[in-house]
Protein backbone atom coordinates (compact mmCIF):
# COMPACT_ATOMS: atom_id res chain seq x y z
CA MET A 1 11.88 -7.07 -6.89
CA LEU A 2 10.12 -5.02 -3.82
CA LYS A 3 12.34 -2.72 -2.11
CA VAL A 4 11.56 -0.58 1.39
CA VAL A 5 12.31 2.48 0.89
CA THR A 6 12.44 5.20 3.78
CA HIS A 7 14.44 8.07 4.92
CA LYS A 8 16.52 5.68 6.40
CA THR A 9 17.45 3.78 3.24
CA LEU A 10 17.34 6.41 1.22
CA ARG A 11 21.69 7.01 0.46
CA GLN A 12 20.99 2.90 -1.56
CA HIS A 13 17.05 4.12 -3.23
CA SER A 14 16.69 7.94 -3.46
CA ASP A 15 16.36 7.08 -7.35
CA LEU A 16 13.51 4.96 -6.94
CA LEU A 17 11.68 7.33 -4.81
CA LEU A 18 12.24 9.71 -6.72
CA ASP A 19 10.48 7.79 -9.55
CA GLN A 20 8.10 6.39 -7.55
CA TYR A 21 6.49 10.16 -7.20
CA ARG A 22 7.15 9.92 -11.30
CA LEU A 23 5.02 6.57 -11.30
CA ARG A 24 1.99 8.18 -9.28
CA HIS A 25 2.00 11.30 -11.45
CA GLN A 26 1.34 8.89 -14.10
CA GLU A 27 -1.15 6.48 -12.88
CA PHE A 28 -3.03 9.32 -10.99
CA ILE A 29 -2.53 12.84 -12.40
CA GLU A 30 -1.89 11.82 -16.51
CA ARG A 31 -4.09 8.63 -16.33
CA GLN A 32 -7.13 9.20 -13.72
CA GLN A 33 -7.21 13.36 -13.69
CA TYR A 34 -6.77 13.03 -9.95
CA ASP A 35 -6.86 16.64 -8.63
CA VAL A 36 -4.13 16.82 -6.37
CA HIS A 37 -0.60 18.31 -6.22
CA SER A 38 3.03 17.89 -8.53
CA ILE A 39 5.78 18.93 -9.15
CA ASP A 40 8.31 18.63 -11.75
CA GLY A 41 6.10 15.15 -13.11
CA MET A 42 6.34 14.62 -9.39
CA GLU A 43 3.29 14.09 -7.66
CA PHE A 44 2.76 14.00 -3.88
CA ASP A 45 0.52 14.80 -0.73
CA GLU A 46 0.80 15.79 2.90
CA TYR A 47 1.70 12.45 4.07
CA ASP A 48 4.65 11.90 2.16
CA THR A 49 6.96 13.05 5.04
CA LEU A 50 9.71 10.91 7.39
CA ALA A 51 6.50 8.90 8.65
CA ALA A 52 6.43 7.46 5.32
CA VAL A 53 7.04 3.84 3.95
CA TYR A 54 7.34 2.58 0.41
CA LEU A 55 6.89 -0.81 -0.50
CA VAL A 56 8.56 -0.16 -4.43
CA TYR A 57 8.88 -2.39 -6.56
CA SER A 58 11.71 -2.76 -9.55
CA ARG A 59 14.09 -4.78 -11.96
CA ASP A 60 17.05 -2.74 -12.30
CA GLY A 61 16.47 -0.22 -8.40
CA ARG A 62 16.30 3.17 -10.60
CA THR A 63 12.56 2.04 -12.05
CA ALA A 64 9.31 1.95 -10.77
CA LEU A 65 6.54 -0.28 -11.51
CA GLY A 66 4.34 -0.52 -8.86
CA VAL A 67 3.66 0.86 -5.85
CA SER A 68 2.23 1.15 -2.24
CA ARG A 69 2.69 3.78 0.53
CA LEU A 70 2.21 2.78 4.10
CA THR A 71 1.69 5.90 7.20
CA PRO A 72 1.08 5.24 10.75
CA VAL A 73 -2.24 6.37 11.31
CA ALA A 74 -0.25 8.43 14.62
CA TYR A 75 1.50 11.29 12.05
CA GLY A 76 -1.92 11.44 9.83
CA CYS A 77 -4.59 9.18 8.44
CA MET A 78 -6.30 10.28 4.97
CA LEU A 79 -9.50 8.35 5.85
CA ALA A 80 -9.77 10.02 8.98
CA ASP A 81 -8.64 13.25 7.67
CA HIS A 82 -10.46 13.55 4.04
CA PHE A 83 -13.00 9.89 4.30
CA PRO A 84 -13.86 10.42 7.76
CA ASP A 85 -18.15 9.30 6.45
CA LEU A 86 -16.83 5.68 4.54
CA VAL A 87 -16.17 4.69 8.48
CA ASP A 88 -18.90 3.81 10.83
CA ASP A 89 -16.63 2.95 13.89
CA ARG A 90 -14.06 5.49 13.94
CA SER A 91 -12.07 4.23 16.59
CA VAL A 92 -10.29 2.80 14.21
CA PHE A 93 -7.97 6.12 13.92
CA THR A 94 -6.87 5.95 16.90
CA THR A 95 -6.26 2.50 18.44
CA PRO A 96 -2.59 1.44 18.57
CA ARG A 97 -1.02 0.41 16.40
CA THR A 98 -2.23 1.28 13.17
CA TRP A 99 -1.16 2.07 9.66
CA GLU A 100 -2.99 3.21 6.72
CA GLY A 101 -2.00 2.20 3.21
CA THR A 102 -2.44 4.46 0.48
CA ARG A 103 -0.77 5.56 -2.90
CA PHE A 104 -1.12 1.69 -4.07
CA CYS A 105 -0.22 2.05 -8.41
CA ILE A 106 1.23 -0.16 -10.90
CA ASP A 107 2.42 1.37 -14.23
CA SER A 108 -0.58 0.50 -16.55
CA ASN A 109 1.99 -0.23 -19.80
CA LEU A 110 3.08 -3.18 -18.20
CA ALA A 111 2.65 -6.60 -19.78
CA PRO A 112 -1.02 -7.99 -18.01
CA GLU A 113 1.24 -11.09 -16.37
CA LEU A 114 4.09 -8.64 -14.61
CA ARG A 115 1.45 -6.34 -13.15
CA SER A 116 -0.64 -9.27 -12.01
CA GLU A 117 3.49 -10.29 -9.97
CA ILE A 118 3.81 -6.81 -8.84
CA CYS A 119 -0.11 -6.49 -7.18
CA HIS A 120 0.32 -10.00 -5.48
CA SER A 121 3.94 -8.87 -4.19
CA ILE A 122 3.13 -5.75 -2.56
CA CYS A 123 0.08 -7.23 -1.31
CA ALA A 124 2.42 -9.61 0.47
CA GLY A 125 5.11 -6.77 1.44
CA TYR A 126 1.88 -5.33 3.22
CA LEU A 127 1.88 -8.22 5.40
CA GLU A 128 5.71 -8.70 6.08
CA TYR A 129 6.36 -5.47 6.63
CA ALA A 130 3.75 -4.94 9.18
CA LEU A 131 4.15 -8.30 10.85
CA ALA A 132 8.20 -7.33 11.39
CA HIS A 133 7.20 -3.93 12.85
CA GLY A 134 4.67 -4.97 14.87
CA ILE A 135 1.89 -3.15 12.91
CA ASP A 136 -1.67 -4.77 13.81
CA ARG A 137 -4.30 -3.19 10.89
CA ILE A 138 -4.03 -1.22 8.04
CA ILE A 139 -6.84 0.44 6.82
CA GLY A 140 -7.41 2.07 3.57
CA LEU A 141 -9.75 3.03 0.63
CA MET A 142 -10.51 2.44 -2.79
CA PRO A 143 -12.79 1.35 -5.19
CA THR A 144 -15.06 -2.10 -4.04
CA LEU A 145 -13.91 -3.37 -7.92
CA ILE A 146 -9.72 -3.03 -6.49
CA LEU A 147 -10.87 -3.86 -2.86
CA ARG A 148 -11.74 -7.54 -4.57
CA SER A 149 -9.13 -7.44 -7.71
CA VAL A 150 -6.11 -6.84 -5.68
CA PHE A 151 -6.42 -7.52 -2.33
CA GLU A 152 -9.35 -10.67 -1.70
CA ARG A 153 -7.63 -12.09 -5.47
CA SER A 154 -4.34 -11.84 -3.67
CA GLY A 155 -5.90 -13.89 -0.76
CA ILE A 156 -6.08 -11.37 1.84
CA GLN A 157 -9.22 -10.99 3.83
CA LEU A 158 -11.18 -8.04 4.43
CA ASP A 159 -12.99 -6.44 6.84
CA ARG A 160 -15.34 -3.88 5.57
CA LEU A 161 -15.55 -0.69 7.24
CA GLY A 162 -18.45 0.55 5.95
CA ALA A 163 -21.04 1.05 3.12
CA ALA A 164 -19.73 1.71 -0.62
CA HIS A 165 -20.14 5.84 -1.82
CA LYS A 166 -19.66 7.47 -4.74
CA ILE A 167 -16.48 9.46 -5.01
CA GLY A 168 -15.60 11.71 -8.42
CA ALA A 169 -15.65 9.73 -11.25
CA HIS A 170 -16.07 6.13 -9.00
CA SER A 171 -18.83 4.76 -7.99
CA ARG A 172 -17.72 2.51 -4.92
CA ILE A 173 -15.17 3.29 -3.00
CA GLN A 174 -15.00 1.79 0.33
CA ALA A 175 -13.26 1.58 3.45
CA ALA A 176 -11.38 -1.58 4.45
CA SER A 177 -8.75 -3.27 7.06
CA ILE A 178 -6.09 -6.04 7.25
CA ALA A 179 -6.20 -7.35 9.95
CA VAL A 180 -2.15 -8.41 10.55
CA THR A 181 -1.62 -12.06 10.84
CA PRO A 182 0.81 -15.20 9.82
CA ASP A 183 -2.38 -16.50 9.03
CA GLN A 184 -3.10 -13.61 6.14
CA LEU A 185 0.22 -14.31 5.25
CA GLU A 186 0.48 -18.02 4.64
CA ARG A 187 -2.74 -17.83 2.71
CA VAL A 188 -1.42 -15.13 0.70
CA THR A 189 1.40 -17.40 -0.05
CA ALA A 190 -0.55 -19.72 -0.94
CA ARG A 191 -2.65 -17.88 -3.15
CA THR A 192 -0.04 -16.23 -4.90
CA GLY A 193 3.50 -18.92 -4.70
CA LEU A 194 5.44 -15.66 -3.61
CA SER A 195 7.15 -15.92 0.02
CA ASN A 196 9.66 -13.82 1.64
CA VAL A 197 9.59 -10.76 -1.10
CA LEU A 198 10.89 -8.55 0.75
CA GLY A 199 13.90 -10.29 1.98
CA TYR A 200 13.43 -11.12 5.68
CA THR A 201 14.93 -14.28 6.71
CA PRO A 202 12.90 -16.71 9.24
CA GLU A 203 15.70 -15.55 12.34
CA GLY A 204 15.18 -12.41 10.82
CA PRO A 205 12.41 -9.65 12.40
CA VAL A 206 9.38 -11.11 10.82
CA TYR A 207 8.89 -13.98 13.64
CA ALA A 208 9.88 -11.95 16.14
CA ALA A 209 7.72 -12.01 18.85
CA ARG A 210 4.91 -9.58 18.98
């Protein structure tokens, strides 16, 4: 099940918060040799702040099997700070109600079927959370292959923000944007069969007037 972990839910989900740092260490540092910060087997960076929202997939409520982080660009933006050349129109960094999605990873030791389920759940969670909280756009960067196999395969339509570039071991890294609309969520539901992955009700904030 997908959980929303924020500074407001730490009491309920402290185990999940710590374990998503461990999962990130496993997937980014141990498996892909990213040169990023870590301590005690946990990976972290400057965007792990009180403004961060973590979408964490877990079956037992303690072990993170997949995660992605959402942060408002007004409180820091990895794409703007470290990879601005990937974006043609940099006004996206100052557009109101724009958030950034980062640190998307799934436990590589899991069976392909479960990995696919987690991937689709996080994509649906992006849209459900964004619709519930007045977010208009989610930006980020990934290898172009992952943009297609993760987001577009889940039914999300992406807008590319610039050309693909070679960065490190990746031959094609590209920035992209997700327009947050009910239509996007409907496409994901139709493609994946998943709905209400965050437990919102029809009377809840996901359907509130924007």
